[in-house]
Amino acid sequence: MLPQRYQDLFAMPAIRSAMLSSIAGRLPIGIAGFAILLLVQHRTGSFAHAGVASALYVLGLASVAPLLGRVIDRAGPATLLRACAIVYPAMLIALTALVTMNANALAIALCAFVAGAALPPVTICMRTLYPRALKDPALLQTAYSVDSVIVETVFVIGPALVAFFLAFGFPEGAVLLAALTGALGAAWFVRAPVIRDWEIRPRGAATRWGVFGEPALVVLYVATIFYSVAFGLYEIGVTAYATARGAPAAAGIALALASFGSAAGAFAYGAWHWQLPLRKQFLITLGLMAAGSLIVAPIGNLYLFVIANVVAGAPMASVIATQSLLLSRLAPQGMLAESFTWGGTCLLGGISGGLALGGVLAEVVAPPWILVAAAGATGIAALVAWSMPESEKLHALGDHGA
């Protein structure tokens, strides 16, 4: 039986229908980046080239996301989602064809970048929707936890599907699957009543710096960059570890198990009433995430390493859930989607940098050191978050948001 908070949340028809319709459109999050990484590595034999292609895919989304967020704030998401449902699969299909034909690396990189830029912004729409629809801080915490569980469930399914295609020697299939689910998922999601009837809300008093006019929000963005670098390093570290032991498909299983642990951790976080101030919760989850990377780094046995990813992944989604709560409270009025997309830009830009850095490190150091580097990046994120200045927006929401 679900905890009461989850029952209360799912009793709301608008939230429930939006969550369910968002699942298919989020599948590319767990498939595309990893699929591109393994497709390019499999066909070229180079982790450096593969890391760059995967990084450019993520960087495409990171660089365009704030513009998409501004469009959502000012015009709603429906038209934007329909356009992305066309461009996104077209670019992934083109990328697959170019890699198969051993085409110029620049053309492949361009397709990866544009595909990332055109990823339908389903997750941003959902994270913007929650504070618009939920006024109870406890339910908002639960909603972001459910959102993290959905994303992590996608990361359980996605890498496993990529591993399935790789095991049969057809990594192209995983990229094409991402194209299909992106197109069909966005088309389904845009038909949800709360998306179709999205209300445009007035913006607050504009400042010269826009979303960067709130110092605490800027610090949160910087912390997000560093823990996102850790995500990218962790993915490359796990992939390099499995490849070095002659079992590259095991990387998909290990990352899927990490996401399973992450989903379980987020579910527990959303069910619990936390007395600690939200910023302290954020610091604790970052500390646990760093510890998780250090736990798996020295493991020499492949099977034990794969299983240990469940423990290492447990805090990851809770980091994102607490970050989302902080961001929703610090965002300027009428700029919620743009604020979230800047958070997404920091997240995905950090992952992009971590993937690229991890690809370079994989050529010169043993895989465990890449995982140690991931722990170090997370530790820096915690130090940055610790320096977050006071904000009236947090204190105005009582103990839970203090």
Protein backbone atom coordinates (compact mmCIF):
# COMPACT_ATOMS: atom_id res chain seq x y z
CA MET A 1 0.00 0.00 0.00
CA LEU A 2 1.29 3.43 -0.93
CA PRO A 3 2.16 5.94 1.82
CA GLN A 4 -0.56 8.53 2.42
CA ARG A 5 1.33 11.33 0.69
CA TYR A 6 1.46 9.33 -2.53
CA GLN A 7 -2.23 8.45 -2.27
CA ASP A 8 -3.12 12.14 -1.83
CA LEU A 9 -1.00 13.12 -4.83
CA PHE A 10 -2.34 10.45 -7.17
CA ALA A 11 -5.91 11.31 -6.15
CA MET A 12 -5.54 14.50 -8.20
CA PRO A 13 -6.70 13.62 -11.76
CA ALA A 14 -4.78 16.40 -13.53
CA ILE A 15 -1.45 15.47 -11.94
CA ARG A 16 -2.03 11.75 -12.36
CA SER A 17 -2.89 11.97 -16.07
CA ALA A 18 0.05 14.29 -16.80
CA MET A 19 2.50 11.99 -15.02
CA LEU A 20 1.28 8.92 -16.89
CA SER A 21 1.32 10.62 -20.28
CA SER A 22 4.85 11.94 -19.68
CA ILE A 23 6.48 8.52 -19.30
CA ALA A 24 6.84 7.56 -22.96
CA GLY A 25 8.21 10.98 -23.89
CA ARG A 26 10.91 10.67 -21.23
CA LEU A 27 12.27 7.33 -22.46
CA PRO A 28 14.89 9.03 -24.69
CA ILE A 29 16.45 10.50 -21.53
CA GLY A 30 17.54 7.01 -20.50
CA ILE A 31 18.34 5.77 -23.98
CA ALA A 32 19.76 8.37 -26.34
CA GLY A 33 22.94 9.67 -24.70
CA PHE A 34 24.15 6.22 -23.67
CA ALA A 35 23.10 4.73 -27.04
CA ILE A 36 25.05 7.38 -28.96
CA LEU A 37 28.07 6.77 -26.72
CA LEU A 38 28.08 3.03 -27.38
CA LEU A 39 27.16 3.30 -31.07
CA VAL A 40 30.08 5.61 -31.87
CA GLN A 41 32.49 3.67 -29.64
CA HIS A 42 31.39 0.37 -31.19
CA ARG A 43 31.82 1.60 -34.76
CA THR A 44 34.97 3.72 -34.31
CA GLY A 45 36.71 1.97 -31.41
CA SER A 46 37.43 5.31 -29.74
CA PHE A 47 36.09 6.36 -26.34
CA ALA A 48 37.27 9.92 -27.01
CA HIS A 49 35.15 10.23 -30.17
CA ALA A 50 32.23 8.52 -28.49
CA GLY A 51 32.44 10.80 -25.45
CA VAL A 52 32.48 13.90 -27.64
CA ALA A 53 29.44 12.78 -29.67
CA SER A 54 27.47 11.93 -26.54
CA ALA A 55 28.56 15.17 -24.90
CA LEU A 56 27.46 17.23 -27.90
CA TYR A 57 24.03 15.60 -27.78
CA VAL A 58 23.66 16.69 -24.16
CA LEU A 59 25.24 20.07 -24.86
CA GLY A 60 22.68 20.72 -27.60
CA LEU A 61 19.86 20.46 -25.11
CA ALA A 62 21.78 22.43 -22.49
CA SER A 63 22.44 25.38 -24.79
CA VAL A 64 18.90 25.69 -26.17
CA ALA A 65 16.87 24.79 -23.06
CA PRO A 66 16.65 28.34 -21.59
CA LEU A 67 15.13 29.61 -24.84
CA LEU A 68 12.60 26.78 -24.77
CA GLY A 69 11.79 27.62 -21.15
CA ARG A 70 11.12 31.23 -22.06
CA VAL A 71 8.80 30.07 -24.83
CA ILE A 72 6.92 27.85 -22.36
CA ASP A 73 6.55 30.72 -19.86
CA ARG A 74 5.28 33.15 -22.51
CA ALA A 75 3.33 30.96 -24.97
CA GLY A 76 2.78 27.57 -23.35
CA PRO A 77 4.32 24.22 -24.33
CA ALA A 78 1.91 22.73 -26.91
CA THR A 79 3.29 24.14 -30.19
CA LEU A 80 6.87 23.67 -29.05
CA LEU A 81 6.27 20.01 -28.19
CA ARG A 82 4.74 19.34 -31.60
CA ALA A 83 7.74 20.86 -33.40
CA CYS A 84 10.24 18.89 -31.31
CA ALA A 85 8.33 15.69 -32.06
CA ILE A 86 9.32 16.14 -35.72
CA VAL A 87 12.88 17.48 -35.53
CA TYR A 88 14.17 15.17 -32.78
CA PRO A 89 13.61 11.80 -34.49
CA ALA A 90 14.78 13.18 -37.85
CA MET A 91 18.17 14.13 -36.38
CA LEU A 92 18.67 10.79 -34.60
CA ILE A 93 17.86 8.88 -37.76
CA ALA A 94 20.36 11.01 -39.68
CA LEU A 95 23.01 10.46 -36.99
CA THR A 96 22.55 6.70 -37.14
CA ALA A 97 22.90 6.69 -40.91
CA LEU A 98 26.04 8.82 -40.80
CA VAL A 99 27.76 6.64 -38.20
CA THR A 100 26.89 3.49 -40.14
CA MET A 101 28.40 5.00 -43.31
CA ASN A 102 31.57 6.11 -41.44
CA ALA A 103 30.79 9.69 -42.39
CA ASN A 104 32.72 12.79 -41.39
CA ALA A 105 32.93 13.23 -37.62
CA LEU A 106 31.80 16.86 -37.91
CA ALA A 107 28.52 15.85 -39.57
CA ILE A 108 27.89 13.27 -36.87
CA ALA A 109 28.62 15.87 -34.18
CA LEU A 110 26.21 18.36 -35.79
CA CYS A 111 23.38 15.80 -35.85
CA ALA A 112 24.06 14.90 -32.21
CA PHE A 113 23.95 18.57 -31.18
CA VAL A 114 20.71 19.36 -33.05
CA ALA A 115 19.04 16.19 -31.76
CA GLY A 116 19.85 17.19 -28.20
CA ALA A 117 18.54 20.70 -28.81
CA ALA A 118 15.25 19.28 -30.14
CA LEU A 119 14.58 16.76 -27.36
CA PRO A 120 10.89 17.34 -26.43
CA PRO A 121 10.95 19.24 -23.08
CA VAL A 122 8.56 16.88 -21.30
CA THR A 123 10.47 16.83 -18.02
CA ILE A 124 10.75 20.62 -17.85
CA CYS A 125 7.01 20.93 -18.47
CA MET A 126 6.28 18.55 -15.61
CA ARG A 127 8.65 20.21 -13.15
CA THR A 128 7.16 23.59 -14.02
CA LEU A 129 3.65 22.20 -13.61
CA TYR A 130 4.04 20.92 -10.02
CA PRO A 131 4.40 24.26 -8.16
CA ARG A 132 1.66 25.73 -10.37
CA ALA A 133 -0.77 22.98 -9.38
CA LEU A 134 0.32 22.10 -5.82
CA LYS A 135 0.27 24.58 -2.95
CA ASP A 136 0.98 22.10 -0.13
CA PRO A 137 4.80 21.96 0.39
CA ALA A 138 4.57 18.33 1.51
CA LEU A 139 2.78 17.28 -1.67
CA LEU A 140 5.25 19.31 -3.73
CA GLN A 141 8.11 17.36 -2.16
CA THR A 142 6.31 14.12 -2.96
CA ALA A 143 5.60 15.23 -6.54
CA TYR A 144 9.26 15.97 -7.21
CA SER A 145 10.17 12.63 -5.66
CA VAL A 146 7.70 10.85 -7.95
CA ASP A 147 9.13 12.81 -10.86
CA SER A 148 12.61 11.62 -9.93
CA VAL A 149 11.33 8.04 -9.62
CA ILE A 150 9.86 8.29 -13.13
CA VAL A 151 13.12 9.60 -14.53
CA GLU A 152 15.15 6.95 -12.72
CA THR A 153 12.76 4.23 -13.88
CA VAL A 154 13.48 5.45 -17.38
CA PHE A 155 17.17 5.11 -16.58
CA VAL A 156 16.55 1.53 -15.44
CA ILE A 157 14.72 0.65 -18.65
CA GLY A 158 16.84 2.75 -21.01
CA PRO A 159 20.34 1.35 -20.39
CA ALA A 160 18.93 -2.19 -20.25
CA LEU A 161 17.41 -1.66 -23.71
CA VAL A 162 20.70 -0.26 -24.98
CA ALA A 163 22.52 -3.29 -23.53
CA PHE A 164 20.01 -5.58 -25.26
CA PHE A 165 20.70 -4.05 -28.67
CA LEU A 166 24.46 -4.06 -28.05
CA ALA A 167 24.43 -7.72 -27.01
CA PHE A 168 22.98 -8.53 -30.44
CA GLY A 169 25.54 -6.37 -32.21
CA PHE A 170 23.00 -3.74 -33.29
CA PRO A 171 23.66 -0.52 -31.31
CA GLU A 172 21.90 1.46 -34.06
CA GLY A 173 18.61 -0.02 -32.87
CA ALA A 174 18.86 1.75 -29.51
CA VAL A 175 19.30 5.17 -31.15
CA LEU A 176 16.36 4.51 -33.46
CA LEU A 177 14.24 3.45 -30.48
CA ALA A 178 15.00 6.79 -28.82
CA ALA A 179 13.83 8.56 -31.99
CA LEU A 180 10.56 6.61 -32.02
CA THR A 181 9.70 7.06 -28.35
CA GLY A 182 10.60 10.76 -28.48
CA ALA A 183 8.19 11.40 -31.34
CA LEU A 184 5.29 9.28 -30.10
CA GLY A 185 5.75 10.27 -26.46
CA ALA A 186 5.65 14.00 -27.17
CA ALA A 187 2.53 13.55 -29.32
CA TRP A 188 0.79 11.73 -26.45
CA PHE A 189 1.94 14.14 -23.75
CA VAL A 190 0.72 17.24 -25.58
CA ARG A 191 -2.82 15.80 -25.48
CA ALA A 192 -2.90 15.82 -21.64
CA PRO A 193 -5.54 18.32 -20.44
CA VAL A 194 -3.17 20.34 -18.22
CA ILE A 195 -0.73 20.72 -21.12
CA ARG A 196 -3.38 21.48 -23.72
CA ASP A 197 -5.03 24.06 -21.43
CA TRP A 198 -1.80 25.56 -20.05
CA GLU A 199 -2.41 28.95 -18.42
CA ILE A 200 0.00 31.77 -19.23
CA ARG A 201 0.83 33.61 -16.01
CA PRO A 202 2.11 37.20 -15.68
CA ARG A 203 5.78 37.77 -15.08
CA GLY A 204 7.03 39.56 -12.01
CA ALA A 205 8.98 42.80 -12.05
CA ALA A 206 11.81 42.31 -14.52
CA THR A 207 15.39 42.78 -13.38
CA ARG A 208 18.48 43.36 -15.44
CA TRP A 209 19.79 39.88 -14.64
CA GLY A 210 16.53 37.95 -15.01
CA VAL A 211 16.67 34.57 -13.29
CA PHE A 212 20.23 35.37 -12.16
CA GLY A 213 19.03 38.24 -9.98
CA GLU A 214 18.56 35.85 -7.03
CA PRO A 215 22.02 35.13 -5.49
CA ALA A 216 20.91 31.89 -3.84
CA LEU A 217 19.62 30.61 -7.18
CA VAL A 218 22.97 31.35 -8.83
CA VAL A 219 24.78 29.34 -6.14
CA LEU A 220 22.33 26.49 -6.70
CA TYR A 221 23.11 26.55 -10.43
CA VAL A 222 26.87 26.36 -9.75
CA ALA A 223 26.40 23.43 -7.37
CA THR A 224 24.27 21.74 -10.03
CA ILE A 225 27.09 22.04 -12.58
CA PHE A 226 29.56 20.24 -10.32
CA TYR A 227 27.34 17.34 -9.29
CA SER A 228 26.31 16.96 -12.95
CA VAL A 229 29.96 16.63 -13.96
CA ALA A 230 29.99 13.75 -11.48
CA PHE A 231 27.06 12.11 -13.28
CA GLY A 232 28.93 12.20 -16.58
CA LEU A 233 32.15 10.91 -15.03
CA TYR A 234 30.24 8.12 -13.32
CA GLU A 235 28.65 6.95 -16.59
CA ILE A 236 31.99 6.89 -18.38
CA GLY A 237 33.71 5.25 -15.38
CA VAL A 238 31.18 2.41 -15.29
CA THR A 239 31.31 1.97 -19.08
CA ALA A 240 35.12 1.96 -19.12
CA TYR A 241 35.22 -0.53 -16.22
CA ALA A 242 32.94 -3.00 -18.02
CA THR A 243 34.72 -2.56 -21.35
CA ALA A 244 38.15 -3.13 -19.77
CA ARG A 245 36.89 -6.50 -18.51
CA GLY A 246 35.63 -7.53 -21.92
CA ALA A 247 31.92 -7.16 -21.07
CA PRO A 248 30.74 -3.78 -22.41
CA ALA A 249 27.08 -4.82 -22.20
CA ALA A 250 27.49 -5.09 -18.41
CA ALA A 251 27.75 -1.30 -18.28
CA GLY A 252 24.11 -1.01 -19.26
CA ILE A 253 23.08 -3.43 -16.51
CA ALA A 254 25.22 -1.62 -13.92
CA LEU A 255 23.78 1.80 -14.82
CA ALA A 256 20.27 0.35 -14.81
CA LEU A 257 20.85 -1.00 -11.29
CA ALA A 258 22.21 2.38 -10.19
CA SER A 259 19.02 3.97 -11.46
CA PHE A 260 16.94 1.33 -9.67
CA GLY A 261 18.68 2.22 -6.41
CA SER A 262 18.21 5.90 -7.18
CA ALA A 263 14.47 5.43 -7.74
CA ALA A 264 14.12 3.52 -4.48
CA GLY A 265 15.97 6.27 -2.63
CA ALA A 266 13.75 8.98 -4.14
CA PHE A 267 10.60 7.02 -3.26
CA ALA A 268 11.72 6.84 0.38
CA TYR A 269 12.60 10.53 0.37
CA GLY A 270 9.15 11.52 -0.92
CA ALA A 271 7.30 9.46 1.69
CA TRP A 272 9.16 10.89 4.69
CA HIS A 273 8.44 14.13 6.55
CA TRP A 274 11.85 15.74 6.90
CA GLN A 275 12.43 18.10 9.81
CA LEU A 276 15.80 19.28 8.50
CA PRO A 277 15.91 22.51 6.47
CA LEU A 278 15.91 21.84 2.74
CA ARG A 279 19.44 23.14 2.20
CA LYS A 280 20.75 20.65 4.77
CA GLN A 281 18.86 17.88 3.01
CA PHE A 282 20.60 18.91 -0.21
CA LEU A 283 24.01 18.78 1.47
CA ILE A 284 23.34 15.35 2.97
CA THR A 285 22.26 13.85 -0.35
CA LEU A 286 25.36 15.27 -2.05
CA GLY A 287 27.58 13.75 0.63
CA LEU A 288 25.94 10.36 0.21
CA MET A 289 26.32 10.57 -3.55
CA ALA A 290 30.07 11.21 -3.24
CA ALA A 291 30.38 8.28 -0.83
CA GLY A 292 28.58 6.01 -3.31
CA SER A 293 31.16 6.66 -6.04
CA LEU A 294 33.97 5.92 -3.59
CA ILE A 295 32.32 2.67 -2.53
CA VAL A 296 32.30 1.15 -6.02
CA ALA A 297 35.69 2.50 -7.18
CA PRO A 298 37.96 -0.14 -5.55
CA ILE A 299 35.80 -3.20 -6.36
CA GLY A 300 37.69 -5.61 -8.60
CA ASN A 301 35.07 -8.29 -9.23
CA LEU A 302 32.80 -7.45 -12.19
CA TYR A 303 29.67 -9.06 -10.75
CA LEU A 304 30.09 -7.41 -7.36
CA PHE A 305 30.79 -4.09 -9.06
CA VAL A 306 27.56 -4.31 -11.06
CA ILE A 307 25.49 -5.14 -7.97
CA ALA A 308 27.13 -2.41 -5.87
CA ASN A 309 25.76 0.17 -8.27
CA VAL A 310 22.40 -0.19 -6.51
CA VAL A 311 23.94 1.29 -3.36
CA ALA A 312 25.98 3.90 -5.23
CA GLY A 313 22.91 5.14 -7.08
CA ALA A 314 20.58 5.40 -4.05
CA PRO A 315 21.15 9.13 -3.31
CA MET A 316 21.28 10.39 -6.91
CA ALA A 317 17.59 11.09 -7.58
CA SER A 318 17.16 12.61 -4.13
CA VAL A 319 19.88 15.12 -5.03
CA ILE A 320 17.80 16.17 -8.04
CA ALA A 321 14.55 16.19 -6.02
CA THR A 322 15.97 18.52 -3.36
CA GLN A 323 17.54 20.71 -6.04
CA SER A 324 14.16 20.96 -7.80
CA LEU A 325 12.45 21.99 -4.57
CA LEU A 326 15.04 24.67 -3.92
CA LEU A 327 14.78 25.94 -7.48
CA SER A 328 10.96 26.07 -7.44
CA ARG A 329 11.10 28.30 -4.35
CA LEU A 330 13.83 30.61 -5.59
CA ALA A 331 12.53 31.13 -9.16
CA PRO A 332 11.30 34.65 -10.05
CA GLN A 333 7.56 35.07 -10.59
CA GLY A 334 6.42 34.15 -14.09
CA MET A 335 9.85 32.70 -14.93
CA LEU A 336 9.48 29.22 -13.48
CA ALA A 337 10.00 27.26 -16.71
CA GLU A 338 12.98 29.41 -17.69
CA SER A 339 14.48 28.94 -14.22
CA PHE A 340 14.09 25.19 -14.53
CA THR A 341 15.60 25.16 -17.99
CA TRP A 342 18.62 27.09 -16.74
CA GLY A 343 18.86 24.43 -14.06
CA GLY A 344 18.61 21.88 -16.85
CA THR A 345 21.32 23.69 -18.78
CA CYS A 346 23.62 23.49 -15.76
CA LEU A 347 22.70 19.84 -15.26
CA LEU A 348 23.17 18.80 -18.87
CA GLY A 349 26.16 21.06 -19.46
CA GLY A 350 27.82 19.48 -16.44
CA ILE A 351 26.99 15.99 -17.68
CA SER A 352 28.36 16.93 -21.10
CA GLY A 353 31.60 18.12 -19.54
CA GLY A 354 31.77 15.01 -17.37
CA LEU A 355 31.26 12.73 -20.37
CA ALA A 356 33.94 14.51 -22.38
CA LEU A 357 36.36 14.57 -19.46
CA GLY A 358 35.59 10.95 -18.67
CA GLY A 359 36.24 9.96 -22.28
CA VAL A 360 39.68 11.58 -22.13
CA LEU A 361 40.46 10.06 -18.72
CA ALA A 362 39.42 6.61 -19.96
CA GLU A 363 42.28 6.78 -22.45
CA VAL A 364 44.95 7.53 -19.82
CA VAL A 365 43.90 6.25 -16.37
CA ALA A 366 42.28 3.14 -14.91
CA PRO A 367 38.46 3.24 -14.58
CA PRO A 368 38.45 3.42 -10.74
CA TRP A 369 40.15 6.81 -10.89
CA ILE A 370 37.31 8.13 -13.05
CA LEU A 371 34.89 7.15 -10.27
CA VAL A 372 37.12 8.87 -7.71
CA ALA A 373 37.02 11.98 -9.87
CA ALA A 374 33.19 11.75 -9.82
CA ALA A 375 33.27 11.71 -6.01
CA GLY A 376 35.55 14.76 -6.03
CA ALA A 377 33.20 16.73 -8.30
CA THR A 378 30.28 15.90 -5.99
CA GLY A 379 32.29 17.06 -2.99
CA ILE A 380 32.91 20.41 -4.68
CA ALA A 381 29.16 20.70 -5.33
CA ALA A 382 28.53 20.22 -1.60
CA LEU A 383 31.02 22.94 -0.71
CA VAL A 384 29.35 25.34 -3.14
CA ALA A 385 25.87 24.50 -1.76
CA TRP A 386 27.14 25.06 1.79
CA SER A 387 27.96 28.67 0.80
CA MET A 388 24.38 29.37 -0.38
CA PRO A 389 23.28 32.80 0.98
CA GLU A 390 20.09 33.36 2.95
CA SER A 391 16.91 34.02 0.97
CA GLU A 392 13.56 35.37 2.15
CA LYS A 393 11.86 33.11 -0.39
CA LEU A 394 13.04 30.05 1.53
CA HIS A 395 12.23 31.41 4.99
CA ALA A 396 8.77 32.51 3.84
CA LEU A 397 7.81 28.86 3.31
CA GLY A 398 8.33 27.76 6.87
CA ASP A 399 10.44 25.00 8.34
CA HIS A 400 10.29 22.74 5.33
CA GLY A 401 11.79 25.37 3.12
CA ALA A 402 14.09 27.02 5.62
